[in-house]
Amino acid sequence: MSQQSVNLRIFERDYRILINPDDYEMVTHLAENLNERKASFTQQYGDQPDLVAAVFIALELAQELYQEQESSNDLLTSIDHEVDYMDRVIALVSQQTSTESS
Protein backbone atom coordinates (compact mmCIF):
# COMPACT_ATOMS: atom_id res chain seq x y z
CA MET A 1 0.00 0.00 0.00
CA SER A 2 1.30 3.46 -0.82
CA GLN A 3 2.30 5.84 1.92
CA GLN A 4 1.88 9.56 2.21
CA SER A 5 4.37 11.96 3.73
CA VAL A 6 2.79 14.42 6.17
CA ASN A 7 4.10 17.19 8.37
CA LEU A 8 2.92 17.18 11.96
CA ARG A 9 3.56 19.86 14.54
CA ILE A 10 3.75 18.33 18.02
CA PHE A 11 4.96 20.30 21.04
CA GLU A 12 6.10 23.16 18.82
CA ARG A 13 8.32 20.83 16.76
CA ASP A 14 7.78 19.71 13.19
CA TYR A 15 7.85 16.04 12.30
CA ARG A 16 7.68 14.58 8.81
CA ILE A 17 6.26 11.05 8.88
CA LEU A 18 5.00 8.48 6.42
CA ILE A 19 1.47 7.24 6.94
CA ASN A 20 -1.19 5.29 5.13
CA PRO A 21 -3.31 7.95 3.33
CA ASP A 22 -6.43 6.47 4.94
CA ASP A 23 -4.98 7.33 8.36
CA TYR A 24 -4.43 11.04 7.68
CA GLU A 25 -7.43 12.33 9.65
CA MET A 26 -6.73 10.03 12.59
CA VAL A 27 -3.03 10.95 12.75
CA THR A 28 -3.68 14.69 12.54
CA HIS A 29 -6.39 14.35 15.20
CA LEU A 30 -3.96 12.49 17.47
CA ALA A 31 -1.34 15.21 16.99
CA GLU A 32 -3.92 17.87 17.85
CA ASN A 33 -4.91 15.90 20.93
CA LEU A 34 -1.28 15.72 22.09
CA ASN A 35 -0.90 19.47 21.63
CA GLU A 36 -4.10 20.10 23.59
CA ARG A 37 -2.86 17.85 26.38
CA LYS A 38 0.48 19.70 26.39
CA ALA A 39 -1.34 23.03 26.66
CA SER A 40 -3.42 21.69 29.54
CA PHE A 41 -0.29 20.33 31.24
CA THR A 42 1.48 23.69 30.85
CA GLN A 43 -1.53 25.53 32.23
CA GLN A 44 -1.66 23.25 35.25
CA TYR A 45 2.07 22.78 35.99
CA GLY A 46 3.72 25.78 34.39
CA ASP A 47 6.39 25.77 31.75
CA GLN A 48 8.19 22.43 32.05
CA PRO A 49 10.60 20.74 29.64
CA ASP A 50 8.89 18.97 26.76
CA LEU A 51 10.25 15.62 27.96
CA VAL A 52 8.57 16.04 31.35
CA ALA A 53 5.28 16.92 29.65
CA ALA A 54 5.65 13.99 27.22
CA VAL A 55 6.25 11.51 30.04
CA PHE A 56 3.31 12.87 32.03
CA ILE A 57 1.04 12.70 28.97
CA ALA A 58 2.28 9.17 28.15
CA LEU A 59 1.41 8.05 31.68
CA GLU A 60 -1.98 9.72 31.41
CA LEU A 61 -2.67 7.95 28.09
CA ALA A 62 -1.47 4.62 29.51
CA GLN A 63 -3.87 5.02 32.44
CA GLU A 64 -6.75 5.80 30.07
CA LEU A 65 -5.89 2.76 27.95
CA TYR A 66 -5.75 0.55 31.02
CA GLN A 67 -9.14 1.79 32.21
CA GLU A 68 -10.65 1.21 28.76
CA GLN A 69 -9.23 -2.31 28.66
CA GLU A 70 -10.66 -3.03 32.10
CA SER A 71 -14.05 -1.71 30.99
CA SER A 72 -13.86 -3.79 27.81
CA ASN A 73 -12.98 -6.89 29.82
CA ASP A 74 -15.94 -6.27 32.14
CA LEU A 75 -18.26 -5.95 29.15
CA LEU A 76 -16.90 -9.13 27.58
CA THR A 77 -17.41 -11.00 30.85
CA SER A 78 -20.96 -9.71 31.04
CA ILE A 79 -21.59 -10.78 27.43
CA ASP A 80 -20.17 -14.24 28.17
CA HIS A 81 -22.58 -14.60 31.11
CA GLU A 82 -25.51 -13.55 28.94
CA VAL A 83 -24.51 -15.98 26.18
CA ASP A 84 -24.24 -18.82 28.72
CA TYR A 85 -27.67 -17.95 30.05
CA MET A 86 -29.17 -17.84 26.54
CA ASP A 87 -27.54 -21.20 25.73
CA ARG A 88 -29.20 -22.74 28.80
CA VAL A 89 -32.57 -21.21 27.87
CA ILE A 90 -32.29 -22.49 24.29
CA ALA A 91 -31.33 -25.95 25.55
CA LEU A 92 -34.34 -26.02 27.90
CA VAL A 93 -36.75 -24.83 25.21
CA SER A 94 -35.30 -27.33 22.75
CA GLN A 95 -35.62 -30.09 25.31
CA GLN A 96 -39.25 -29.14 26.06
CA THR A 97 -40.09 -28.95 22.37
CA SER A 98 -38.64 -32.37 21.66
CA THR A 99 -40.44 -33.84 24.69
CA GLU A 100 -43.76 -32.35 23.55
CA SER A 101 -43.22 -33.66 19.99
CA SER A 102 -42.73 -37.23 21.23
C-alpha atoms as a PDB file:
ATOM      1  CA  MET A   1       0.000   0.000   0.000  1.00  0.00           C
ATOM      2  CA  SER A   2       1.301   3.463  -0.819  1.00  0.00           C
ATOM      3  CA  GLN A   3       2.303   5.836   1.919  1.00  0.00           C
ATOM      4  CA  GLN A   4       1.884   9.560   2.210  1.00  0.00           C
ATOM      5  CA  SER A   5       4.366  11.965   3.733  1.00  0.00           C
ATOM      6  CA  VAL A   6       2.787  14.417   6.173  1.00  0.00           C
ATOM      7  CA  ASN A   7       4.103  17.187   8.368  1.00  0.00           C
ATOM      8  CA  LEU A   8       2.923  17.180  11.963  1.00  0.00           C
ATOM      9  CA  ARG A   9       3.558  19.857  14.544  1.00  0.00           C
ATOM     10  CA  ILE A  10       3.755  18.335  18.016  1.00  0.00           C
ATOM     11  CA  PHE A  11       4.964  20.295  21.044  1.00  0.00           C
ATOM     12  CA  GLU A  12       6.099  23.157  18.816  1.00  0.00           C
ATOM     13  CA  ARG A  13       8.321  20.831  16.762  1.00  0.00           C
ATOM     14  CA  ASP A  14       7.779  19.714  13.190  1.00  0.00           C
ATOM     15  CA  TYR A  15       7.855  16.038  12.296  1.00  0.00           C
ATOM     16  CA  ARG A  16       7.676  14.578   8.811  1.00  0.00           C
ATOM     17  CA  ILE A  17       6.259  11.050   8.880  1.00  0.00           C
ATOM     18  CA  LEU A  18       5.001   8.479   6.420  1.00  0.00           C
ATOM     19  CA  ILE A  19       1.470   7.236   6.942  1.00  0.00           C
ATOM     20  CA  ASN A  20      -1.189   5.293   5.128  1.00  0.00           C
ATOM     21  CA  PRO A  21      -3.312   7.946   3.330  1.00  0.00           C
ATOM     22  CA  ASP A  22      -6.430   6.471   4.940  1.00  0.00           C
ATOM     23  CA  ASP A  23      -4.983   7.328   8.364  1.00  0.00           C
ATOM     24  CA  TYR A  24      -4.434  11.040   7.681  1.00  0.00           C
ATOM     25  CA  GLU A  25      -7.426  12.333   9.647  1.00  0.00           C
ATOM     26  CA  MET A  26      -6.732  10.035  12.595  1.00  0.00           C
ATOM     27  CA  VAL A  27      -3.032  10.945  12.750  1.00  0.00           C
ATOM     28  CA  THR A  28      -3.682  14.687  12.537  1.00  0.00           C
ATOM     29  CA  HIS A  29      -6.391  14.350  15.198  1.00  0.00           C
ATOM     30  CA  LEU A  30      -3.957  12.491  17.468  1.00  0.00           C
ATOM     31  CA  ALA A  31      -1.336  15.210  16.994  1.00  0.00           C
ATOM     32  CA  GLU A  32      -3.917  17.875  17.847  1.00  0.00           C
ATOM     33  CA  ASN A  33      -4.909  15.899  20.930  1.00  0.00           C
ATOM     34  CA  LEU A  34      -1.284  15.716  22.092  1.00  0.00           C
ATOM     35  CA  ASN A  35      -0.898  19.468  21.634  1.00  0.00           C
ATOM     36  CA  GLU A  36      -4.100  20.097  23.592  1.00  0.00           C
ATOM     37  CA  ARG A  37      -2.864  17.849  26.382  1.00  0.00           C
ATOM     38  CA  LYS A  38       0.482  19.697  26.394  1.00  0.00           C
ATOM     39  CA  ALA A  39      -1.344  23.030  26.662  1.00  0.00           C
ATOM     40  CA  SER A  40      -3.420  21.691  29.541  1.00  0.00           C
ATOM     41  CA  PHE A  41      -0.294  20.329  31.242  1.00  0.00           C
ATOM     42  CA  THR A  42       1.485  23.693  30.850  1.00  0.00           C
ATOM     43  CA  GLN A  43      -1.527  25.533  32.229  1.00  0.00           C
ATOM     44  CA  GLN A  44      -1.657  23.248  35.253  1.00  0.00           C
ATOM     45  CA  TYR A  45       2.070  22.783  35.991  1.00  0.00           C
ATOM     46  CA  GLY A  46       3.719  25.783  34.393  1.00  0.00           C
ATOM     47  CA  ASP A  47       6.394  25.766  31.752  1.00  0.00           C
ATOM     48  CA  GLN A  48       8.190  22.431  32.049  1.00  0.00           C
ATOM     49  CA  PRO A  49      10.604  20.742  29.639  1.00  0.00           C
ATOM     50  CA  ASP A  50       8.886  18.968  26.764  1.00  0.00           C
ATOM     51  CA  LEU A  51      10.252  15.623  27.959  1.00  0.00           C
ATOM     52  CA  VAL A  52       8.570  16.043  31.351  1.00  0.00           C
ATOM     53  CA  ALA A  53       5.284  16.916  29.648  1.00  0.00           C
ATOM     54  CA  ALA A  54       5.652  13.995  27.223  1.00  0.00           C
ATOM     55  CA  VAL A  55       6.254  11.510  30.040  1.00  0.00           C
ATOM     56  CA  PHE A  56       3.314  12.873  32.028  1.00  0.00           C
ATOM     57  CA  ILE A  57       1.039  12.698  28.967  1.00  0.00           C
ATOM     58  CA  ALA A  58       2.277   9.170  28.148  1.00  0.00           C
ATOM     59  CA  LEU A  59       1.406   8.050  31.676  1.00  0.00           C
ATOM     60  CA  GLU A  60      -1.985   9.715  31.408  1.00  0.00           C
ATOM     61  CA  LEU A  61      -2.670   7.951  28.089  1.00  0.00           C
ATOM     62  CA  ALA A  62      -1.469   4.621  29.513  1.00  0.00           C
ATOM     63  CA  GLN A  63      -3.873   5.018  32.436  1.00  0.00           C
ATOM     64  CA  GLU A  64      -6.753   5.797  30.073  1.00  0.00           C
ATOM     65  CA  LEU A  65      -5.887   2.765  27.949  1.00  0.00           C
ATOM     66  CA  TYR A  66      -5.747   0.552  31.023  1.00  0.00           C
ATOM     67  CA  GLN A  67      -9.141   1.790  32.209  1.00  0.00           C
ATOM     68  CA  GLU A  68     -10.651   1.212  28.764  1.00  0.00           C
ATOM     69  CA  GLN A  69      -9.229  -2.311  28.661  1.00  0.00           C
ATOM     70  CA  GLU A  70     -10.663  -3.031  32.096  1.00  0.00           C
ATOM     71  CA  SER A  71     -14.047  -1.713  30.985  1.00  0.00           C
ATOM     72  CA  SER A  72     -13.861  -3.785  27.811  1.00  0.00           C
ATOM     73  CA  ASN A  73     -12.981  -6.894  29.822  1.00  0.00           C
ATOM     74  CA  ASP A  74     -15.940  -6.267  32.136  1.00  0.00           C
ATOM     75  CA  LEU A  75     -18.261  -5.949  29.146  1.00  0.00           C
ATOM     76  CA  LEU A  76     -16.899  -9.128  27.579  1.00  0.00           C
ATOM     77  CA  THR A  77     -17.408 -11.002  30.852  1.00  0.00           C
ATOM     78  CA  SER A  78     -20.965  -9.713  31.037  1.00  0.00           C
ATOM     79  CA  ILE A  79     -21.593 -10.778  27.430  1.00  0.00           C
ATOM     80  CA  ASP A  80     -20.173 -14.237  28.170  1.00  0.00           C
ATOM     81  CA  HIS A  81     -22.584 -14.604  31.110  1.00  0.00           C
ATOM     82  CA  GLU A  82     -25.512 -13.548  28.935  1.00  0.00           C
ATOM     83  CA  VAL A  83     -24.509 -15.984  26.181  1.00  0.00           C
ATOM     84  CA  ASP A  84     -24.237 -18.818  28.716  1.00  0.00           C
ATOM     85  CA  TYR A  85     -27.673 -17.947  30.049  1.00  0.00           C
ATOM     86  CA  MET A  86     -29.168 -17.843  26.545  1.00  0.00           C
ATOM     87  CA  ASP A  87     -27.543 -21.203  25.730  1.00  0.00           C
ATOM     88  CA  ARG A  88     -29.202 -22.740  28.798  1.00  0.00           C
ATOM     89  CA  VAL A  89     -32.570 -21.210  27.870  1.00  0.00           C
ATOM     90  CA  ILE A  90     -32.288 -22.487  24.292  1.00  0.00           C
ATOM     91  CA  ALA A  91     -31.327 -25.948  25.547  1.00  0.00           C
ATOM     92  CA  LEU A  92     -34.336 -26.020  27.898  1.00  0.00           C
ATOM     93  CA  VAL A  93     -36.748 -24.829  25.211  1.00  0.00           C
ATOM     94  CA  SER A  94     -35.297 -27.326  22.753  1.00  0.00           C
ATOM     95  CA  GLN A  95     -35.625 -30.092  25.314  1.00  0.00           C
ATOM     96  CA  GLN A  96     -39.252 -29.142  26.064  1.00  0.00           C
ATOM     97  CA  THR A  97     -40.088 -28.947  22.368  1.00  0.00           C
ATOM     98  CA  SER A  98     -38.637 -32.369  21.663  1.00  0.00           C
ATOM     99  CA  THR A  99     -40.439 -33.845  24.689  1.00  0.00           C
ATOM    100  CA  GLU A 100     -43.757 -32.347  23.549  1.00  0.00           C
ATOM    101  CA  SER A 101     -43.216 -33.657  19.991  1.00  0.00           C
ATOM    102  CA  SER A 102     -42.735 -37.234  21.232  1.00  0.00           C
END
